[in-house]
Amino acid sequence: MKTIDNYIGIEPFTVLVDDSVQLQDFAAQARELKDLPFPEKLAAVKKLALDSMVNAYEQLLVWGKKGRDLESAFQKTGDRDKKNEMYQAYQEADRFKKIVFEKHPLSYALQKAAGCCRYQGTLFFILGYEAELGEKHFMHTAPVNGQIRTVFNEIVQGREEHKVSIFTESLKDKSFDYSRQNPNIFEQAIETLPGYNFYSYHRTPNGLVMIENPSRHVKEL
């Protein structure tokens, strides 16, 4: 376990937090929320995260379907306008696919204004830290299926645990929400994951302390 004075350089679940103008701007907005009551602060930090980027996974699926529909229409009609629209749709799908499936720093997602769960969860963690949200805040991962995991956040305030998935809250089409198939997914956080650092922050008499710990969370200081 080690304490961290600055979140720049941390890498939660493959997302390197690097400095950027966009991150500085969002962090400054989050700091302005410090004096709000907890429920209002939680809602405001969520809104900041939701406003920062669209759901890249959803956009990948939406643009991919649009491309396939246009391809089918072009094959039936030979309409060249449909063909051009099809290429544009596939290009958009590919743009979002790269965000979802390739490894990028947080600045890339903020610049593109698009991200999936790992970028969204990382940004929410940083904004929560800047806003001094909660008494404890953990970044979690949980299995969606055998090959895919999701990233979400847990904020502890008093005796209440607040599970937050910016990914699911950012979905416009709720049919893409994997928690519908597994309503308990956010109760199934992976406790041990070798090769990854786990991040949390904790309120102490001296202020918030951020923790980096290999393979598992530090639940108590």
C-alpha atoms as a PDB file:
ATOM      1  CA  MET A   1       0.000   0.000   0.000  1.00  0.00           C
ATOM      2  CA  LYS A   2       1.149   3.529  -0.680  1.00  0.00           C
ATOM      3  CA  THR A   3      -0.446   6.928  -0.335  1.00  0.00           C
ATOM      4  CA  ILE A   4      -0.617   9.237  -3.340  1.00  0.00           C
ATOM      5  CA  ASP A   5      -0.464  13.012  -3.303  1.00  0.00           C
ATOM      6  CA  ASN A   6      -1.597  13.455  -6.915  1.00  0.00           C
ATOM      7  CA  TYR A   7      -3.809  11.360  -9.179  1.00  0.00           C
ATOM      8  CA  ILE A   8      -1.785  12.291 -12.264  1.00  0.00           C
ATOM      9  CA  GLY A   9       0.067   9.108 -13.193  1.00  0.00           C
ATOM     10  CA  ILE A  10      -2.308   6.586 -11.633  1.00  0.00           C
ATOM     11  CA  GLU A  11      -3.603   3.849 -13.946  1.00  0.00           C
ATOM     12  CA  PRO A  12      -6.890   2.312 -12.823  1.00  0.00           C
ATOM     13  CA  PHE A  13      -7.837  -0.705 -14.954  1.00  0.00           C
ATOM     14  CA  THR A  14      -5.542   0.304 -17.881  1.00  0.00           C
ATOM     15  CA  VAL A  15      -6.580   4.003 -18.014  1.00  0.00           C
ATOM     16  CA  LEU A  16      -3.550   6.215 -17.452  1.00  0.00           C
ATOM     17  CA  VAL A  17      -4.548   9.508 -15.856  1.00  0.00           C
ATOM     18  CA  ASP A  18      -2.495  12.163 -17.635  1.00  0.00           C
ATOM     19  CA  ASP A  19      -2.808  15.907 -17.361  1.00  0.00           C
ATOM     20  CA  SER A  20      -4.917  17.808 -19.882  1.00  0.00           C
ATOM     21  CA  VAL A  21      -6.755  21.094 -20.211  1.00  0.00           C
ATOM     22  CA  GLN A  22     -10.079  19.231 -20.168  1.00  0.00           C
ATOM     23  CA  LEU A  23      -9.219  17.382 -16.954  1.00  0.00           C
ATOM     24  CA  GLN A  24      -8.090  20.591 -15.268  1.00  0.00           C
ATOM     25  CA  ASP A  25     -11.371  22.240 -16.233  1.00  0.00           C
ATOM     26  CA  PHE A  26     -13.527  19.402 -14.886  1.00  0.00           C
ATOM     27  CA  ALA A  27     -11.430  19.196 -11.716  1.00  0.00           C
ATOM     28  CA  ALA A  28     -11.902  22.926 -11.110  1.00  0.00           C
ATOM     29  CA  GLN A  29     -15.671  22.541 -11.496  1.00  0.00           C
ATOM     30  CA  ALA A  30     -15.648  19.611  -9.059  1.00  0.00           C
ATOM     31  CA  ARG A  31     -13.760  21.619  -6.428  1.00  0.00           C
ATOM     32  CA  GLU A  32     -16.573  24.161  -6.460  1.00  0.00           C
ATOM     33  CA  LEU A  33     -18.947  21.452  -5.190  1.00  0.00           C
ATOM     34  CA  LYS A  34     -17.122  20.780  -1.898  1.00  0.00           C
ATOM     35  CA  ASP A  35     -19.595  22.593   0.337  1.00  0.00           C
ATOM     36  CA  LEU A  36     -22.745  20.945  -1.018  1.00  0.00           C
ATOM     37  CA  PRO A  37     -24.643  18.403   1.109  1.00  0.00           C
ATOM     38  CA  PHE A  38     -23.784  14.826   0.164  1.00  0.00           C
ATOM     39  CA  PRO A  39     -26.895  14.009  -1.932  1.00  0.00           C
ATOM     40  CA  GLU A  40     -26.575  17.196  -3.983  1.00  0.00           C
ATOM     41  CA  LYS A  41     -22.832  16.730  -4.343  1.00  0.00           C
ATOM     42  CA  LEU A  42     -23.255  13.141  -5.556  1.00  0.00           C
ATOM     43  CA  ALA A  43     -25.778  14.245  -8.181  1.00  0.00           C
ATOM     44  CA  ALA A  44     -23.568  17.144  -9.296  1.00  0.00           C
ATOM     45  CA  VAL A  45     -20.433  15.002  -9.644  1.00  0.00           C
ATOM     46  CA  LYS A  46     -22.427  12.451 -11.635  1.00  0.00           C
ATOM     47  CA  LYS A  47     -23.618  15.202 -13.950  1.00  0.00           C
ATOM     48  CA  LEU A  48     -20.076  16.429 -14.531  1.00  0.00           C
ATOM     49  CA  ALA A  49     -18.981  12.922 -15.482  1.00  0.00           C
ATOM     50  CA  LEU A  50     -22.026  12.337 -17.672  1.00  0.00           C
ATOM     51  CA  ASP A  51     -21.562  15.658 -19.474  1.00  0.00           C
ATOM     52  CA  SER A  52     -17.888  14.930 -20.182  1.00  0.00           C
ATOM     53  CA  MET A  53     -18.335  12.143 -22.741  1.00  0.00           C
ATOM     54  CA  VAL A  54     -20.905  10.082 -24.603  1.00  0.00           C
ATOM     55  CA  ASN A  55     -21.059   6.323 -24.113  1.00  0.00           C
ATOM     56  CA  ALA A  56     -18.628   5.031 -26.742  1.00  0.00           C
ATOM     57  CA  TYR A  57     -19.850   1.430 -26.459  1.00  0.00           C
ATOM     58  CA  GLU A  58     -23.425   2.459 -27.188  1.00  0.00           C
ATOM     59  CA  GLN A  59     -22.314   4.671 -30.083  1.00  0.00           C
ATOM     60  CA  LEU A  60     -20.290   1.781 -31.527  1.00  0.00           C
ATOM     61  CA  LEU A  61     -23.428  -0.363 -31.597  1.00  0.00           C
ATOM     62  CA  VAL A  62     -25.680   2.427 -32.878  1.00  0.00           C
ATOM     63  CA  TRP A  63     -23.403   3.438 -35.747  1.00  0.00           C
ATOM     64  CA  GLY A  64     -22.634  -0.195 -36.603  1.00  0.00           C
ATOM     65  CA  LYS A  65     -26.346  -0.953 -36.944  1.00  0.00           C
ATOM     66  CA  LYS A  66     -26.871   2.184 -39.008  1.00  0.00           C
ATOM     67  CA  GLY A  67     -24.045   1.129 -41.325  1.00  0.00           C
ATOM     68  CA  ARG A  68     -25.504  -2.348 -41.795  1.00  0.00           C
ATOM     69  CA  ASP A  69     -28.959  -0.923 -42.497  1.00  0.00           C
ATOM     70  CA  LEU A  70     -27.514   1.466 -45.085  1.00  0.00           C
ATOM     71  CA  GLU A  71     -25.476  -1.341 -46.634  1.00  0.00           C
ATOM     72  CA  SER A  72     -28.632  -3.423 -47.001  1.00  0.00           C
ATOM     73  CA  ALA A  73     -30.467  -0.471 -48.573  1.00  0.00           C
ATOM     74  CA  PHE A  74     -27.594   0.152 -50.990  1.00  0.00           C
ATOM     75  CA  GLN A  75     -27.528  -3.494 -52.077  1.00  0.00           C
ATOM     76  CA  LYS A  76     -31.246  -3.340 -52.824  1.00  0.00           C
ATOM     77  CA  THR A  77     -31.332   0.037 -54.590  1.00  0.00           C
ATOM     78  CA  GLY A  78     -27.796   0.787 -55.762  1.00  0.00           C
ATOM     79  CA  ASP A  79     -28.284   4.319 -54.430  1.00  0.00           C
ATOM     80  CA  ARG A  80     -24.806   5.862 -54.242  1.00  0.00           C
ATOM     81  CA  ASP A  81     -25.928   8.318 -51.568  1.00  0.00           C
ATOM     82  CA  LYS A  82     -26.745   5.303 -49.380  1.00  0.00           C
ATOM     83  CA  LYS A  83     -23.279   3.925 -50.106  1.00  0.00           C
ATOM     84  CA  ASN A  84     -21.596   7.173 -49.012  1.00  0.00           C
ATOM     85  CA  GLU A  85     -23.719   7.315 -45.859  1.00  0.00           C
ATOM     86  CA  MET A  86     -22.838   3.688 -45.172  1.00  0.00           C
ATOM     87  CA  TYR A  87     -19.094   4.434 -45.291  1.00  0.00           C
ATOM     88  CA  GLN A  88     -19.564   7.423 -42.989  1.00  0.00           C
ATOM     89  CA  ALA A  89     -21.530   5.305 -40.512  1.00  0.00           C
ATOM     90  CA  TYR A  90     -18.874   2.579 -40.502  1.00  0.00           C
ATOM     91  CA  GLN A  91     -16.169   5.202 -39.993  1.00  0.00           C
ATOM     92  CA  GLU A  92     -18.036   6.513 -36.943  1.00  0.00           C
ATOM     93  CA  ALA A  93     -18.459   2.961 -35.621  1.00  0.00           C
ATOM     94  CA  ASP A  94     -14.734   2.352 -36.086  1.00  0.00           C
ATOM     95  CA  ARG A  95     -13.890   5.588 -34.256  1.00  0.00           C
ATOM     96  CA  PHE A  96     -15.869   4.502 -31.206  1.00  0.00           C
ATOM     97  CA  LYS A  97     -14.579   0.924 -31.481  1.00  0.00           C
ATOM     98  CA  LYS A  98     -10.999   2.188 -31.088  1.00  0.00           C
ATOM     99  CA  ILE A  99     -11.941   4.040 -27.917  1.00  0.00           C
ATOM    100  CA  VAL A 100     -13.591   0.952 -26.421  1.00  0.00           C
ATOM    101  CA  PHE A 101     -11.134  -1.753 -27.408  1.00  0.00           C
ATOM    102  CA  GLU A 102      -7.781   0.027 -27.605  1.00  0.00           C
ATOM    103  CA  LYS A 103      -5.765   1.325 -24.674  1.00  0.00           C
ATOM    104  CA  HIS A 104      -5.760   5.116 -24.357  1.00  0.00           C
ATOM    105  CA  PRO A 105      -5.031   7.642 -21.588  1.00  0.00           C
ATOM    106  CA  LEU A 106      -7.870   9.577 -20.005  1.00  0.00           C
ATOM    107  CA  SER A 107      -6.954  12.699 -21.989  1.00  0.00           C
ATOM    108  CA  TYR A 108      -7.815  10.862 -25.218  1.00  0.00           C
ATOM    109  CA  ALA A 109     -11.341  10.050 -24.028  1.00  0.00           C
ATOM    110  CA  LEU A 110     -11.825  13.623 -22.811  1.00  0.00           C
ATOM    111  CA  GLN A 111     -10.550  15.031 -26.094  1.00  0.00           C
ATOM    112  CA  LYS A 112     -12.869  12.759 -28.087  1.00  0.00           C
ATOM    113  CA  ALA A 113     -15.692  13.383 -25.568  1.00  0.00           C
ATOM    114  CA  ALA A 114     -16.414   9.650 -25.647  1.00  0.00           C
ATOM    115  CA  GLY A 115     -15.542   6.793 -23.345  1.00  0.00           C
ATOM    116  CA  CYS A 116     -16.660   3.469 -21.928  1.00  0.00           C
ATOM    117  CA  CYS A 117     -16.877   2.242 -18.339  1.00  0.00           C
ATOM    118  CA  ARG A 118     -13.168   2.358 -17.478  1.00  0.00           C
ATOM    119  CA  TYR A 119     -12.741   5.978 -18.614  1.00  0.00           C
ATOM    120  CA  GLN A 120     -16.049   7.014 -17.055  1.00  0.00           C
ATOM    121  CA  GLY A 121     -15.267   5.323 -13.741  1.00  0.00           C
ATOM    122  CA  THR A 122     -11.790   6.825 -13.623  1.00  0.00           C
ATOM    123  CA  LEU A 123     -13.043  10.343 -14.275  1.00  0.00           C
ATOM    124  CA  PHE A 124     -15.815   9.980 -11.690  1.00  0.00           C
ATOM    125  CA  PHE A 125     -13.223   8.865  -9.118  1.00  0.00           C
ATOM    126  CA  ILE A 126     -11.062  11.931  -9.806  1.00  0.00           C
ATOM    127  CA  LEU A 127     -14.010  14.322  -9.721  1.00  0.00           C
ATOM    128  CA  GLY A 128     -15.195  12.729  -6.484  1.00  0.00           C
ATOM    129  CA  TYR A 129     -11.765  13.249  -4.967  1.00  0.00           C
ATOM    130  CA  GLU A 130     -11.684  16.902  -6.018  1.00  0.00           C
ATOM    131  CA  ALA A 131     -15.216  17.456  -4.681  1.00  0.00           C
ATOM    132  CA  GLU A 132     -14.384  15.546  -1.466  1.00  0.00           C
ATOM    133  CA  LEU A 133     -17.332  13.240  -2.129  1.00  0.00           C
ATOM    134  CA  GLY A 134     -18.032  10.693   0.600  1.00  0.00           C
ATOM    135  CA  GLU A 135     -16.001   9.260   3.439  1.00  0.00           C
ATOM    136  CA  LYS A 136     -14.542   6.515   1.225  1.00  0.00           C
ATOM    137  CA  HIS A 137     -14.515   5.962  -2.514  1.00  0.00           C
ATOM    138  CA  PHE A 138     -13.465   2.747  -4.271  1.00  0.00           C
ATOM    139  CA  MET A 139     -12.980   1.973  -7.958  1.00  0.00           C
ATOM    140  CA  HIS A 140     -14.283  -1.540  -8.619  1.00  0.00           C
ATOM    141  CA  THR A 141     -14.408  -4.021 -11.457  1.00  0.00           C
ATOM    142  CA  ALA A 142     -16.920  -6.838 -11.839  1.00  0.00           C
ATOM    143  CA  PRO A 143     -17.497  -9.578 -14.447  1.00  0.00           C
ATOM    144  CA  VAL A 144     -20.089  -9.001 -17.174  1.00  0.00           C
ATOM    145  CA  ASN A 145     -19.338 -12.393 -18.737  1.00  0.00           C
ATOM    146  CA  GLY A 146     -16.345 -14.695 -19.022  1.00  0.00           C
ATOM    147  CA  GLN A 147     -14.245 -12.240 -21.069  1.00  0.00           C
ATOM    148  CA  ILE A 148     -15.563  -8.753 -20.276  1.00  0.00           C
ATOM    149  CA  ARG A 149     -15.477  -6.807 -17.015  1.00  0.00           C
ATOM    150  CA  THR A 150     -17.135  -3.541 -16.130  1.00  0.00           C
ATOM    151  CA  VAL A 151     -15.743  -0.708 -14.012  1.00  0.00           C
ATOM    152  CA  PHE A 152     -17.910   1.091 -11.472  1.00  0.00           C
ATOM    153  CA  ASN A 153     -17.573   3.156  -8.297  1.00  0.00           C
ATOM    154  CA  GLU A 154     -18.600   2.749  -4.691  1.00  0.00           C
ATOM    155  CA  ILE A 155     -18.934   5.745  -2.396  1.00  0.00           C
ATOM    156  CA  VAL A 156     -19.390   5.200   1.323  1.00  0.00           C
ATOM    157  CA  GLN A 157     -21.122   7.887   3.366  1.00  0.00           C
ATOM    158  CA  GLY A 158     -21.983   7.027   6.953  1.00  0.00           C
ATOM    159  CA  ARG A 159     -23.483   3.558   6.897  1.00  0.00           C
ATOM    160  CA  GLU A 160     -24.657   3.822   3.301  1.00  0.00           C
ATOM    161  CA  GLU A 161     -22.888   2.415   0.237  1.00  0.00           C
ATOM    162  CA  HIS A 162     -23.664   4.105  -3.075  1.00  0.00           C
ATOM    163  CA  LYS A 163     -22.834   2.052  -6.181  1.00  0.00           C
ATOM    164  CA  VAL A 164     -22.409   4.296  -9.222  1.00  0.00           C
ATOM    165  CA  SER A 165     -22.054   3.164 -12.828  1.00  0.00           C
ATOM    166  CA  ILE A 166     -21.612   6.183 -15.068  1.00  0.00           C
ATOM    167  CA  PHE A 167     -21.606   3.691 -17.942  1.00  0.00           C
ATOM    168  CA  THR A 168     -25.169   2.501 -17.318  1.00  0.00           C
ATOM    169  CA  GLU A 169     -26.417   5.981 -16.428  1.00  0.00           C
ATOM    170  CA  SER A 170     -25.009   7.368 -19.681  1.00  0.00           C
ATOM    171  CA  LEU A 171     -26.898   4.878 -21.864  1.00  0.00           C
ATOM    172  CA  LYS A 172     -29.675   6.438 -23.897  1.00  0.00           C
ATOM    173  CA  ASP A 173     -30.906   2.988 -24.982  1.00  0.00           C
ATOM    174  CA  LYS A 174     -31.343   0.973 -21.799  1.00  0.00           C
ATOM    175  CA  SER A 175     -31.455  -2.285 -23.770  1.00  0.00           C
ATOM    176  CA  PHE A 176     -27.636  -2.050 -23.742  1.00  0.00           C
ATOM    177  CA  ASP A 177     -27.619  -2.074 -19.925  1.00  0.00           C
ATOM    178  CA  TYR A 178     -25.976  -5.353 -18.851  1.00  0.00           C
ATOM    179  CA  SER A 179     -27.240  -4.886 -15.290  1.00  0.00           C
ATOM    180  CA  ARG A 180     -30.709  -5.766 -16.594  1.00  0.00           C
ATOM    181  CA  GLN A 181     -29.502  -9.301 -17.261  1.00  0.00           C
ATOM    182  CA  ASN A 182     -27.601  -9.384 -13.962  1.00  0.00           C
ATOM    183  CA  PRO A 183     -29.198  -7.028 -11.410  1.00  0.00           C
ATOM    184  CA  ASN A 184     -26.587  -8.087  -8.827  1.00  0.00           C
ATOM    185  CA  ILE A 185     -23.556  -7.209 -10.951  1.00  0.00           C
ATOM    186  CA  PHE A 186     -22.553  -4.268  -8.759  1.00  0.00           C
ATOM    187  CA  GLU A 187     -22.579  -6.530  -5.713  1.00  0.00           C
ATOM    188  CA  GLN A 188     -20.020  -8.818  -7.395  1.00  0.00           C
ATOM    189  CA  ALA A 189     -16.866  -6.689  -7.334  1.00  0.00           C
ATOM    190  CA  ILE A 190     -13.713  -8.717  -7.901  1.00  0.00           C
ATOM    191  CA  GLU A 191     -11.819  -8.821  -4.615  1.00  0.00           C
ATOM    192  CA  THR A 192      -8.399  -9.830  -5.994  1.00  0.00           C
ATOM    193  CA  LEU A 193      -6.934  -9.113  -9.432  1.00  0.00           C
ATOM    194  CA  PRO A 194      -3.180  -9.722  -9.767  1.00  0.00           C
ATOM    195  CA  GLY A 195      -1.388  -7.362 -12.124  1.00  0.00           C
ATOM    196  CA  TYR A 196      -3.645  -4.388 -11.411  1.00  0.00           C
ATOM    197  CA  ASN A 197      -3.436  -1.603  -8.854  1.00  0.00           C
ATOM    198  CA  PHE A 198      -6.584  -0.795  -6.909  1.00  0.00           C
ATOM    199  CA  TYR A 199      -7.408   2.806  -6.020  1.00  0.00           C
ATOM    200  CA  SER A 200      -9.456   4.381  -3.251  1.00  0.00           C
ATOM    201  CA  TYR A 201      -9.544   7.483  -1.100  1.00  0.00           C
ATOM    202  CA  HIS A 202     -10.442   7.797   2.571  1.00  0.00           C
ATOM    203  CA  ARG A 203     -11.444  10.728   4.736  1.00  0.00           C
ATOM    204  CA  THR A 204      -9.114  11.218   7.711  1.00  0.00           C
ATOM    205  CA  PRO A 205      -8.751  13.986  10.340  1.00  0.00           C
ATOM    206  CA  ASN A 206      -6.070  15.443   8.066  1.00  0.00           C
ATOM    207  CA  GLY A 207      -8.219  15.361   4.927  1.00  0.00           C
ATOM    208  CA  LEU A 208      -8.609  12.880   2.086  1.00  0.00           C
ATOM    209  CA  VAL A 209      -5.899  10.276   1.569  1.00  0.00           C
ATOM    210  CA  MET A 210      -5.635   8.483  -1.780  1.00  0.00           C
ATOM    211  CA  ILE A 211      -4.397   4.890  -1.740  1.00  0.00           C
ATOM    212  CA  GLU A 212      -2.803   2.694  -4.389  1.00  0.00           C
ATOM    213  CA  ASN A 213      -2.558  -0.995  -3.544  1.00  0.00           C
ATOM    214  CA  PRO A 214      -1.570  -3.957  -5.719  1.00  0.00           C
ATOM    215  CA  SER A 215      -4.107  -6.684  -6.489  1.00  0.00           C
ATOM    216  CA  ARG A 216      -6.787  -5.704  -3.932  1.00  0.00           C
ATOM    217  CA  HIS A 217      -8.378  -2.787  -2.116  1.00  0.00           C
ATOM    218  CA  VAL A 218      -7.350  -1.373   1.218  1.00  0.00           C
ATOM    219  CA  LYS A 219     -10.751  -1.170   2.910  1.00  0.00           C
ATOM    220  CA  GLU A 220      -9.662   0.578   6.110  1.00  0.00           C
ATOM    221  CA  LEU A 221      -6.734   2.845   7.015  1.00  0.00           C
END
